[in-house]
Structure formats: C-alpha cells, structure tokens
Amino acid sequence: MLKIEEVSENELKFIGEFSASQESIASDKLSEHEETLTIDMGELKYISSMGLGVLVKTNHRLNENGHSLRLKNLNSHIKDIFKFTRLDQVFDLID
C-alpha cells in the first residue's frame, strides 16, 4: 500500500510500497503538479517496475515544460534499483 503525503506545494512524501496496484493513485496525484517536484522516498520500502514507469512518465512530462522530478532520501535498496536500471542518470537523486 502506498501513502502519499503532501509536504508542501512542490514536495510529496511516498510511504510504504509503490506496486502496480497503486499506479492510478500515484499517477493522479503526480498529474496535479506542473512545476519541479520533489518526492521524499525516505519511507518507501518497495517500488515495482510500474512505479518506476510512472516516475519516468512524470519526469518526461515535467521536462517538456522546463521542470524536473527530484527524488530524495532513497534507502540503499531503492537507490540500487535506480542504479541497476540506470535511472540514476535520468533523475536528480538527492541524499
């Protein structure tokens, strides 16, 4: 189960597990944002390939308008997933 908290106007916090069953919830929430967005992933325990796809799609949409998707506080497991998929070269990862 994925819980999404609004930290501020341009920052969200993902908590729990971002699996394929959570795709529409995350997509709907992310589509509300049109400017550079930061997602705090400090409490995210799991992300599926569908979850990665949602983030890639959001990043692409934001990039088209001169903005980006920034990801912060990735735990070592999630960070490894981004490295293995080479998505660490696509996203701005913040410690």
PDB file of N, CA and C in Angstrom:
ATOM      1  N   MET A   1       0.837  -1.186   0.000  1.00  0.00           N
ATOM      2  CA  MET A   1       0.000   0.000   0.000  1.00  0.00           C
ATOM      3  C   MET A   1       0.878   1.244   0.000  1.00  0.00           C
ATOM      4  N   LEU A   2       0.552   2.173  -0.859  1.00  0.00           N
ATOM      5  CA  LEU A   2       1.290   3.423  -0.966  1.00  0.00           C
ATOM      6  C   LEU A   2       0.475   4.545  -0.349  1.00  0.00           C
ATOM      7  N   LYS A   3       1.133   5.299   0.499  1.00  0.00           N
ATOM      8  CA  LYS A   3       0.525   6.502   1.062  1.00  0.00           C
ATOM      9  C   LYS A   3       1.320   7.686   0.525  1.00  0.00           C
ATOM     10  N   ILE A   4       0.611   8.701   0.066  1.00  0.00           N
ATOM     11  CA  ILE A   4       1.256   9.896  -0.464  1.00  0.00           C
ATOM     12  C   ILE A   4       0.836  11.082   0.389  1.00  0.00           C
ATOM     13  N   GLU A   5       1.820  11.724   1.002  1.00  0.00           N
ATOM     14  CA  GLU A   5       1.562  12.912   1.819  1.00  0.00           C
ATOM     15  C   GLU A   5       2.074  14.139   1.088  1.00  0.00           C
ATOM     16  N   GLU A   6       1.337  15.219   1.188  1.00  0.00           N
ATOM     17  CA  GLU A   6       1.761  16.495   0.610  1.00  0.00           C
ATOM     18  C   GLU A   6       2.561  17.236   1.678  1.00  0.00           C
ATOM     19  N   VAL A   7       3.863  17.367   1.464  1.00  0.00           N
ATOM     20  CA  VAL A   7       4.747  18.039   2.413  1.00  0.00           C
ATOM     21  C   VAL A   7       4.641  19.549   2.232  1.00  0.00           C
ATOM     22  N   SER A   8       4.657  19.973   0.975  1.00  0.00           N
ATOM     23  CA  SER A   8       4.499  21.382   0.623  1.00  0.00           C
ATOM     24  C   SER A   8       3.943  21.437  -0.790  1.00  0.00           C
ATOM     25  N   GLU A   9       3.839  22.625  -1.336  1.00  0.00           N
ATOM     26  CA  GLU A   9       3.262  22.784  -2.667  1.00  0.00           C
ATOM     27  C   GLU A   9       3.998  21.973  -3.731  1.00  0.00           C
ATOM     28  N   ASN A  10       5.323  21.878  -3.587  1.00  0.00           N
ATOM     29  CA  ASN A  10       6.121  21.181  -4.590  1.00  0.00           C
ATOM     30  C   ASN A  10       6.909  20.009  -4.022  1.00  0.00           C
ATOM     31  N   GLU A  11       6.400  19.422  -2.927  1.00  0.00           N
ATOM     32  CA  GLU A  11       7.058  18.241  -2.366  1.00  0.00           C
ATOM     33  C   GLU A  11       6.028  17.250  -1.851  1.00  0.00           C
ATOM     34  N   LEU A  12       6.219  15.999  -2.253  1.00  0.00           N
ATOM     35  CA  LEU A  12       5.390  14.891  -1.790  1.00  0.00           C
ATOM     36  C   LEU A  12       6.257  13.912  -1.035  1.00  0.00           C
ATOM     37  N   LYS A  13       5.627  13.100  -0.206  1.00  0.00           N
ATOM     38  CA  LYS A  13       6.330  12.045   0.512  1.00  0.00           C
ATOM     39  C   LYS A  13       5.630  10.729   0.200  1.00  0.00           C
ATOM     40  N   PHE A  14       6.404   9.746  -0.309  1.00  0.00           N
ATOM     41  CA  PHE A  14       5.882   8.413  -0.593  1.00  0.00           C
ATOM     42  C   PHE A  14       6.219   7.506   0.585  1.00  0.00           C
ATOM     43  N   ILE A  15       5.208   6.824   1.086  1.00  0.00           N
ATOM     44  CA  ILE A  15       5.373   5.942   2.243  1.00  0.00           C
ATOM     45  C   ILE A  15       4.803   4.571   1.904  1.00  0.00           C
ATOM     46  N   GLY A  16       5.558   3.521   2.187  1.00  0.00           N
ATOM     47  CA  GLY A  16       5.053   2.165   2.004  1.00  0.00           C
ATOM     48  C   GLY A  16       5.600   1.497   0.765  1.00  0.00           C
ATOM     49  N   GLU A  17       4.704   0.889  -0.025  1.00  0.00           N
ATOM     50  CA  GLU A  17       5.091   0.127  -1.200  1.00  0.00           C
ATOM     51  C   GLU A  17       4.389   0.671  -2.440  1.00  0.00           C
ATOM     52  N   PHE A  18       5.189   1.000  -3.443  1.00  0.00           N
ATOM     53  CA  PHE A  18       4.670   1.538  -4.703  1.00  0.00           C
ATOM     54  C   PHE A  18       4.619   0.388  -5.702  1.00  0.00           C
ATOM     55  N   SER A  19       3.524  -0.365  -5.664  1.00  0.00           N
ATOM     56  CA  SER A  19       3.351  -1.518  -6.548  1.00  0.00           C
ATOM     57  C   SER A  19       2.414  -1.151  -7.697  1.00  0.00           C
ATOM     58  N   ALA A  20       2.249  -2.089  -8.620  1.00  0.00           N
ATOM     59  CA  ALA A  20       1.409  -1.847  -9.796  1.00  0.00           C
ATOM     60  C   ALA A  20      -0.020  -1.488  -9.402  1.00  0.00           C
ATOM     61  N   SER A  21      -0.499  -2.034  -8.298  1.00  0.00           N
ATOM     62  CA  SER A  21      -1.878  -1.752  -7.878  1.00  0.00           C
ATOM     63  C   SER A  21      -2.069  -0.309  -7.424  1.00  0.00           C
ATOM     64  N   GLN A  22      -0.979   0.406  -7.202  1.00  0.00           N
ATOM     65  CA  GLN A  22      -1.034   1.792  -6.743  1.00  0.00           C
ATOM     66  C   GLN A  22      -0.810   2.788  -7.882  1.00  0.00           C
ATOM     67  N   GLU A  23      -0.704   2.280  -9.104  1.00  0.00           N
ATOM     68  CA  GLU A  23      -0.360   3.117 -10.260  1.00  0.00           C
ATOM     69  C   GLU A  23      -1.329   4.279 -10.457  1.00  0.00           C
ATOM     70  N   SER A  24      -2.627   4.018 -10.418  1.00  0.00           N
ATOM     71  CA  SER A  24      -3.587   5.092 -10.703  1.00  0.00           C
ATOM     72  C   SER A  24      -3.591   6.147  -9.601  1.00  0.00           C
ATOM     73  N   ILE A  25      -3.423   5.738  -8.361  1.00  0.00           N
ATOM     74  CA  ILE A  25      -3.375   6.690  -7.240  1.00  0.00           C
ATOM     75  C   ILE A  25      -2.182   7.628  -7.411  1.00  0.00           C
ATOM     76  N   ALA A  26      -1.020   7.044  -7.686  1.00  0.00           N
ATOM     77  CA  ALA A  26       0.190   7.851  -7.848  1.00  0.00           C
ATOM     78  C   ALA A  26       0.113   8.729  -9.091  1.00  0.00           C
ATOM     79  N   SER A  27      -0.341   8.160 -10.198  1.00  0.00           N
ATOM     80  CA  SER A  27      -0.440   8.942 -11.442  1.00  0.00           C
ATOM     81  C   SER A  27      -1.362  10.139 -11.272  1.00  0.00           C
ATOM     82  N   ASP A  28      -2.500   9.923 -10.625  1.00  0.00           N
ATOM     83  CA  ASP A  28      -3.448  11.015 -10.401  1.00  0.00           C
ATOM     84  C   ASP A  28      -2.819  12.119  -9.563  1.00  0.00           C
ATOM     85  N   LYS A  29      -2.124  11.740  -8.485  1.00  0.00           N
ATOM     86  CA  LYS A  29      -1.510  12.733  -7.596  1.00  0.00           C
ATOM     87  C   LYS A  29      -0.385  13.479  -8.313  1.00  0.00           C
ATOM     88  N   LEU A  30       0.437  12.754  -9.048  1.00  0.00           N
ATOM     89  CA  LEU A  30       1.561  13.388  -9.740  1.00  0.00           C
ATOM     90  C   LEU A  30       1.095  14.295 -10.871  1.00  0.00           C
ATOM     91  N   SER A  31      -0.021  13.964 -11.494  1.00  0.00           N
ATOM     92  CA  SER A  31      -0.524  14.783 -12.610  1.00  0.00           C
ATOM     93  C   SER A  31      -1.013  16.153 -12.149  1.00  0.00           C
ATOM     94  N   GLU A  32      -1.221  16.323 -10.853  1.00  0.00           N
ATOM     95  CA  GLU A  32      -1.649  17.616 -10.307  1.00  0.00           C
ATOM     96  C   GLU A  32      -0.519  18.640 -10.309  1.00  0.00           C
ATOM     97  N   HIS A  33       0.709  18.180 -10.505  1.00  0.00           N
ATOM     98  CA  HIS A  33       1.876  19.056 -10.397  1.00  0.00           C
ATOM     99  C   HIS A  33       2.435  19.380 -11.768  1.00  0.00           C
ATOM    100  N   GLU A  34       2.686  20.687 -11.997  1.00  0.00           N
ATOM    101  CA  GLU A  34       3.174  21.157 -13.288  1.00  0.00           C
ATOM    102  C   GLU A  34       4.562  21.795 -13.192  1.00  0.00           C
ATOM    103  N   GLU A  35       5.092  21.952 -11.987  1.00  0.00           N
ATOM    104  CA  GLU A  35       6.406  22.557 -11.802  1.00  0.00           C
ATOM    105  C   GLU A  35       7.346  21.528 -11.186  1.00  0.00           C
ATOM    106  N   THR A  36       8.617  21.897 -11.050  1.00  0.00           N
ATOM    107  CA  THR A  36       9.595  20.986 -10.463  1.00  0.00           C
ATOM    108  C   THR A  36       9.041  20.434  -9.160  1.00  0.00           C
ATOM    109  N   LEU A  37       9.111  19.119  -9.028  1.00  0.00           N
ATOM    110  CA  LEU A  37       8.519  18.412  -7.908  1.00  0.00           C
ATOM    111  C   LEU A  37       9.575  17.550  -7.242  1.00  0.00           C
ATOM    112  N   THR A  38       9.598  17.558  -5.913  1.00  0.00           N
ATOM    113  CA  THR A  38      10.490  16.705  -5.138  1.00  0.00           C
ATOM    114  C   THR A  38       9.649  15.641  -4.444  1.00  0.00           C
ATOM    115  N   ILE A  39      10.120  14.398  -4.521  1.00  0.00           N
ATOM    116  CA  ILE A  39       9.464  13.310  -3.807  1.00  0.00           C
ATOM    117  C   ILE A  39      10.434  12.768  -2.777  1.00  0.00           C
ATOM    118  N   ASP A  40      10.025  12.823  -1.512  1.00  0.00           N
ATOM    119  CA  ASP A  40      10.799  12.256  -0.412  1.00  0.00           C
ATOM    120  C   ASP A  40      10.458  10.772  -0.346  1.00  0.00           C
ATOM    121  N   MET A  41      11.455   9.924  -0.581  1.00  0.00           N
ATOM    122  CA  MET A  41      11.252   8.477  -0.600  1.00  0.00           C
ATOM    123  C   MET A  41      11.867   7.802   0.621  1.00  0.00           C
ATOM    124  N   GLY A  42      12.100   8.556   1.673  1.00  0.00           N
ATOM    125  CA  GLY A  42      12.744   8.025   2.866  1.00  0.00           C
ATOM    126  C   GLY A  42      11.984   6.885   3.520  1.00  0.00           C
ATOM    127  N   GLU A  43      10.680   6.845   3.353  1.00  0.00           N
ATOM    128  CA  GLU A  43       9.876   5.789   3.963  1.00  0.00           C
ATOM    129  C   GLU A  43       9.281   4.836   2.923  1.00  0.00           C
ATOM    130  N   LEU A  44       9.807   4.887   1.695  1.00  0.00           N
ATOM    131  CA  LEU A  44       9.367   3.964   0.654  1.00  0.00           C
ATOM    132  C   LEU A  44      10.165   2.673   0.786  1.00  0.00           C
ATOM    133  N   LYS A  45       9.467   1.557   0.920  1.00  0.00           N
ATOM    134  CA  LYS A  45      10.119   0.265   1.145  1.00  0.00           C
ATOM    135  C   LYS A  45      10.293  -0.538  -0.139  1.00  0.00           C
ATOM    136  N   TYR A  46       9.441  -0.287  -1.145  1.00  0.00           N
ATOM    137  CA  TYR A  46       9.444  -1.095  -2.361  1.00  0.00           C
ATOM    138  C   TYR A  46       8.909  -0.255  -3.511  1.00  0.00           C
ATOM    139  N   ILE A  47       9.479  -0.474  -4.701  1.00  0.00           N
ATOM    140  CA  ILE A  47       8.942   0.142  -5.912  1.00  0.00           C
ATOM    141  C   ILE A  47       8.995  -0.886  -7.040  1.00  0.00           C
ATOM    142  N   SER A  48       7.884  -1.066  -7.722  1.00  0.00           N
ATOM    143  CA  SER A  48       7.798  -2.019  -8.828  1.00  0.00           C
ATOM    144  C   SER A  48       8.226  -1.349 -10.126  1.00  0.00           C
ATOM    145  N   SER A  49       8.330  -2.154 -11.180  1.00  0.00           N
ATOM    146  CA  SER A  49       8.656  -1.591 -12.492  1.00  0.00           C
ATOM    147  C   SER A  49       7.565  -0.624 -12.945  1.00  0.00           C
ATOM    148  N   MET A  50       6.323  -0.903 -12.579  1.00  0.00           N
ATOM    149  CA  MET A  50       5.224   0.016 -12.905  1.00  0.00           C
ATOM    150  C   MET A  50       5.435   1.349 -12.192  1.00  0.00           C
ATOM    151  N   GLY A  51       5.857   1.290 -10.939  1.00  0.00           N
ATOM    152  CA  GLY A  51       6.142   2.511 -10.192  1.00  0.00           C
ATOM    153  C   GLY A  51       7.251   3.319 -10.840  1.00  0.00           C
ATOM    154  N   LEU A  52       8.300   2.623 -11.290  1.00  0.00           N
ATOM    155  CA  LEU A  52       9.384   3.314 -11.992  1.00  0.00           C
ATOM    156  C   LEU A  52       8.860   3.970 -13.262  1.00  0.00           C
ATOM    157  N   GLY A  53       7.992   3.257 -13.959  1.00  0.00           N
ATOM    158  CA  GLY A  53       7.410   3.804 -15.190  1.00  0.00           C
ATOM    159  C   GLY A  53       6.604   5.066 -14.946  1.00  0.00           C
ATOM    160  N   VAL A  54       5.852   5.092 -13.858  1.00  0.00           N
ATOM    161  CA  VAL A  54       5.071   6.285 -13.502  1.00  0.00           C
ATOM    162  C   VAL A  54       6.007   7.465 -13.253  1.00  0.00           C
ATOM    163  N   LEU A  55       7.107   7.221 -12.555  1.00  0.00           N
ATOM    164  CA  LEU A  55       8.065   8.293 -12.272  1.00  0.00           C
ATOM    165  C   LEU A  55       8.734   8.780 -13.557  1.00  0.00           C
ATOM    166  N   VAL A  56       9.093   7.848 -14.445  1.00  0.00           N
ATOM    167  CA  VAL A  56       9.717   8.228 -15.719  1.00  0.00           C
ATOM    168  C   VAL A  56       8.749   9.073 -16.544  1.00  0.00           C
ATOM    169  N   LYS A  57       7.510   8.641 -16.624  1.00  0.00           N
ATOM    170  CA  LYS A  57       6.493   9.375 -17.386  1.00  0.00           C
ATOM    171  C   LYS A  57       6.296  10.786 -16.814  1.00  0.00           C
ATOM    172  N   THR A  58       6.237  10.886 -15.496  1.00  0.00           N
ATOM    173  CA  THR A  58       6.071  12.195 -14.849  1.00  0.00           C
ATOM    174  C   THR A  58       7.274  13.081 -15.117  1.00  0.00           C
ATOM    175  N   ASN A  59       8.477  12.518 -15.001  1.00  0.00           N
ATOM    176  CA  ASN A  59       9.691  13.283 -15.262  1.00  0.00           C
ATOM    177  C   ASN A  59       9.706  13.801 -16.700  1.00  0.00           C
ATOM    178  N   HIS A  60       9.324  12.949 -17.634  1.00  0.00           N
ATOM    179  CA  HIS A  60       9.286  13.349 -19.043  1.00  0.00           C
ATOM    180  C   HIS A  60       8.294  14.499 -19.261  1.00  0.00           C
ATOM    181  N   ARG A  61       7.117  14.377 -18.664  1.00  0.00           N
ATOM    182  CA  ARG A  61       6.097  15.428 -18.793  1.00  0.00           C
ATOM    183  C   ARG A  61       6.606  16.749 -18.221  1.00  0.00           C
ATOM    184  N   LEU A  62       7.231  16.693 -17.054  1.00  0.00           N
ATOM    185  CA  LEU A  62       7.747  17.916 -16.435  1.00  0.00           C
ATOM    186  C   LEU A  62       8.903  18.508 -17.242  1.00  0.00           C
ATOM    187  N   ASN A  63       9.775  17.632 -17.767  1.00  0.00           N
ATOM    188  CA  ASN A  63      10.907  18.106 -18.571  1.00  0.00           C
ATOM    189  C   ASN A  63      10.454  18.851 -19.809  1.00  0.00           C
ATOM    190  N   GLU A  64       9.348  18.440 -20.400  1.00  0.00           N
ATOM    191  CA  GLU A  64       8.828  19.117 -21.598  1.00  0.00           C
ATOM    192  C   GLU A  64       8.497  20.576 -21.320  1.00  0.00           C
ATOM    193  N   ASN A  65       8.239  20.895 -20.050  1.00  0.00           N
ATOM    194  CA  ASN A  65       7.897  22.262 -19.662  1.00  0.00           C
ATOM    195  C   ASN A  65       9.020  22.950 -18.891  1.00  0.00           C
ATOM    196  N   GLY A  66      10.233  22.396 -18.980  1.00  0.00           N
ATOM    197  CA  GLY A  66      11.387  23.022 -18.340  1.00  0.00           C
ATOM    198  C   GLY A  66      11.515  22.741 -16.861  1.00  0.00           C
ATOM    199  N   HIS A  67      10.822  21.738 -16.370  1.00  0.00           N
ATOM    200  CA  HIS A  67      10.881  21.386 -14.948  1.00  0.00           C
ATOM    201  C   HIS A  67      11.402  19.964 -14.802  1.00  0.00           C
ATOM    202  N   SER A  68      11.472  19.468 -13.561  1.00  0.00           N
ATOM    203  CA  SER A  68      12.007  18.126 -13.356  1.00  0.00           C
ATOM    204  C   SER A  68      11.368  17.473 -12.136  1.00  0.00           C
ATOM    205  N   LEU A  69      11.648  16.193 -12.009  1.00  0.00           N
ATOM    206  CA  LEU A  69      11.217  15.414 -10.858  1.00  0.00           C
ATOM    207  C   LEU A  69      12.468  15.059 -10.078  1.00  0.00           C
ATOM    208  N   ARG A  70      12.525  15.501  -8.829  1.00  0.00           N
ATOM    209  CA  ARG A  70      13.681  15.248  -7.971  1.00  0.00           C
ATOM    210  C   ARG A  70      13.280  14.222  -6.918  1.00  0.00           C
ATOM    211  N   LEU A  71      14.164  13.274  -6.649  1.00  0.00           N
ATOM    212  CA  LEU A  71      13.891  12.216  -5.681  1.00  0.00           C
ATOM    213  C   LEU A  71      14.914  12.306  -4.563  1.00  0.00           C
ATOM    214  N   LYS A  72      14.438  12.270  -3.314  1.00  0.00           N
ATOM    215  CA  LYS A  72      15.381  12.402  -2.205  1.00  0.00           C
ATOM    216  C   LYS A  72      15.158  11.323  -1.150  1.00  0.00           C
ATOM    217  N   ASN A  73      16.205  11.114  -0.359  1.00  0.00           N
ATOM    218  CA  ASN A  73      16.197  10.187   0.778  1.00  0.00           C
ATOM    219  C   ASN A  73      15.910   8.741   0.385  1.00  0.00           C
ATOM    220  N   LEU A  74      16.435   8.300  -0.760  1.00  0.00           N
ATOM    221  CA  LEU A  74      16.242   6.917  -1.174  1.00  0.00           C
ATOM    222  C   LEU A  74      17.043   5.995  -0.247  1.00  0.00           C
ATOM    223  N   ASN A  75      16.408   4.917   0.235  1.00  0.00           N
ATOM    224  CA  ASN A  75      17.170   3.957   1.034  1.00  0.00           C
ATOM    225  C   ASN A  75      18.098   3.189   0.102  1.00  0.00           C
ATOM    226  N   SER A  76      18.998   2.397   0.650  1.00  0.00           N
ATOM    227  CA  SER A  76      20.014   1.735  -0.174  1.00  0.00           C
ATOM    228  C   SER A  76      19.388   0.771  -1.187  1.00  0.00           C
ATOM    229  N   HIS A  77      18.331   0.073  -0.818  1.00  0.00           N
ATOM    230  CA  HIS A  77      17.675  -0.859  -1.731  1.00  0.00           C
ATOM    231  C   HIS A  77      17.053  -0.123  -2.922  1.00  0.00           C
ATOM    232  N   ILE A  78      16.311   0.938  -2.653  1.00  0.00           N
ATOM    233  CA  ILE A  78      15.677   1.719  -3.730  1.00  0.00           C
ATOM    234  C   ILE A  78      16.750   2.384  -4.586  1.00  0.00           C
ATOM    235  N   LYS A  79      17.794   2.902  -3.953  1.00  0.00           N
ATOM    236  CA  LYS A  79      18.881   3.539  -4.703  1.00  0.00           C
ATOM    237  C   LYS A  79      19.546   2.528  -5.639  1.00  0.00           C
ATOM    238  N   ASP A  80      19.730   1.291  -5.174  1.00  0.00           N
ATOM    239  CA  ASP A  80      20.314   0.242  -6.021  1.00  0.00           C
ATOM    240  C   ASP A  80      19.443  -0.028  -7.247  1.00  0.00           C
ATOM    241  N   ILE A  81      18.136  -0.033  -7.065  1.00  0.00           N
ATOM    242  CA  ILE A  81      17.228  -0.243  -8.196  1.00  0.00           C
ATOM    243  C   ILE A  81      17.441   0.850  -9.245  1.00  0.00           C
ATOM    244  N   PHE A  82      17.562   2.084  -8.796  1.00  0.00           N
ATOM    245  CA  PHE A  82      17.780   3.189  -9.734  1.00  0.00           C
ATOM    246  C   PHE A  82      19.134   3.058 -10.427  1.00  0.00           C
ATOM    247  N   LYS A  83      20.154   2.574  -9.709  1.00  0.00           N
ATOM    248  CA  LYS A  83      21.474   2.381 -10.324  1.00  0.00           C
ATOM    249  C   LYS A  83      21.440   1.249 -11.341  1.00  0.00           C
ATOM    250  N   PHE A  84      20.835   0.116 -10.985  1.00  0.00           N
ATOM    251  CA  PHE A  84      20.801  -1.046 -11.878  1.00  0.00           C
ATOM    252  C   PHE A  84      20.018  -0.764 -13.153  1.00  0.00           C
ATOM    253  N   THR A  85      18.992   0.064 -13.047  1.00  0.00           N
ATOM    254  CA  THR A  85      18.181   0.405 -14.221  1.00  0.00           C
ATOM    255  C   THR A  85      18.714   1.648 -14.936  1.00  0.00           C
ATOM    256  N   ARG A  86      19.776   2.207 -14.412  1.00  0.00           N
ATOM    257  CA  ARG A  86      20.420   3.414 -14.927  1.00  0.00           C
ATOM    258  C   ARG A  86      19.519   4.650 -14.838  1.00  0.00           C
ATOM    259  N   LEU A  87      18.477   4.554 -14.045  1.00  0.00           N
ATOM    260  CA  LEU A  87      17.593   5.710 -13.851  1.00  0.00           C
ATOM    261  C   LEU A  87      18.233   6.760 -12.956  1.00  0.00           C
ATOM    262  N   ASP A  88      19.331   6.392 -12.298  1.00  0.00           N
ATOM    263  CA  ASP A  88      20.061   7.388 -11.519  1.00  0.00           C
ATOM    264  C   ASP A  88      20.660   8.450 -12.440  1.00  0.00           C
ATOM    265  N   GLN A  89      20.723   8.154 -13.743  1.00  0.00           N
ATOM    266  CA  GLN A  89      21.243   9.110 -14.713  1.00  0.00           C
ATOM    267  C   GLN A  89      20.123   9.954 -15.312  1.00  0.00           C
ATOM    268  N   VAL A  90      18.882   9.575 -15.024  1.00  0.00           N
ATOM    269  CA  VAL A  90      17.709  10.283 -15.552  1.00  0.00           C
ATOM    270  C   VAL A  90      17.187  11.275 -14.516  1.00  0.00           C
ATOM    271  N   PHE A  91      17.166  10.849 -13.264  1.00  0.00           N
ATOM    272  CA  PHE A  91      16.593  11.659 -12.190  1.00  0.00           C
ATOM    273  C   PHE A  91      17.684  12.380 -11.392  1.00  0.00           C
ATOM    274  N   ASP A  92      17.289  13.470 -10.780  1.00  0.00           N
ATOM    275  CA  ASP A  92      18.134  14.175  -9.837  1.00  0.00           C
ATOM    276  C   ASP A  92      17.895  13.515  -8.480  1.00  0.00           C
ATOM    277  N   LEU A  93      18.854  12.686  -8.021  1.00  0.00           N
ATOM    278  CA  LEU A  93      18.736  11.988  -6.742  1.00  0.00           C
ATOM    279  C   LEU A  93      19.448  12.784  -5.671  1.00  0.00           C
ATOM    280  N   ILE A  94      18.730  13.099  -4.601  1.00  0.00           N
ATOM    281  CA  ILE A  94      19.251  13.936  -3.522  1.00  0.00           C
ATOM    282  C   ILE A  94      19.350  13.082  -2.264  1.00  0.00           C
ATOM    283  N   ASP A  95      20.507  13.131  -1.604  1.00  0.00           N
ATOM    284  CA  ASP A  95      20.676  12.377  -0.343  1.00  0.00           C
ATOM    285  C   ASP A  95      19.998  13.060   0.809  1.00  0.00           C
TER     286      ASP A  95
END
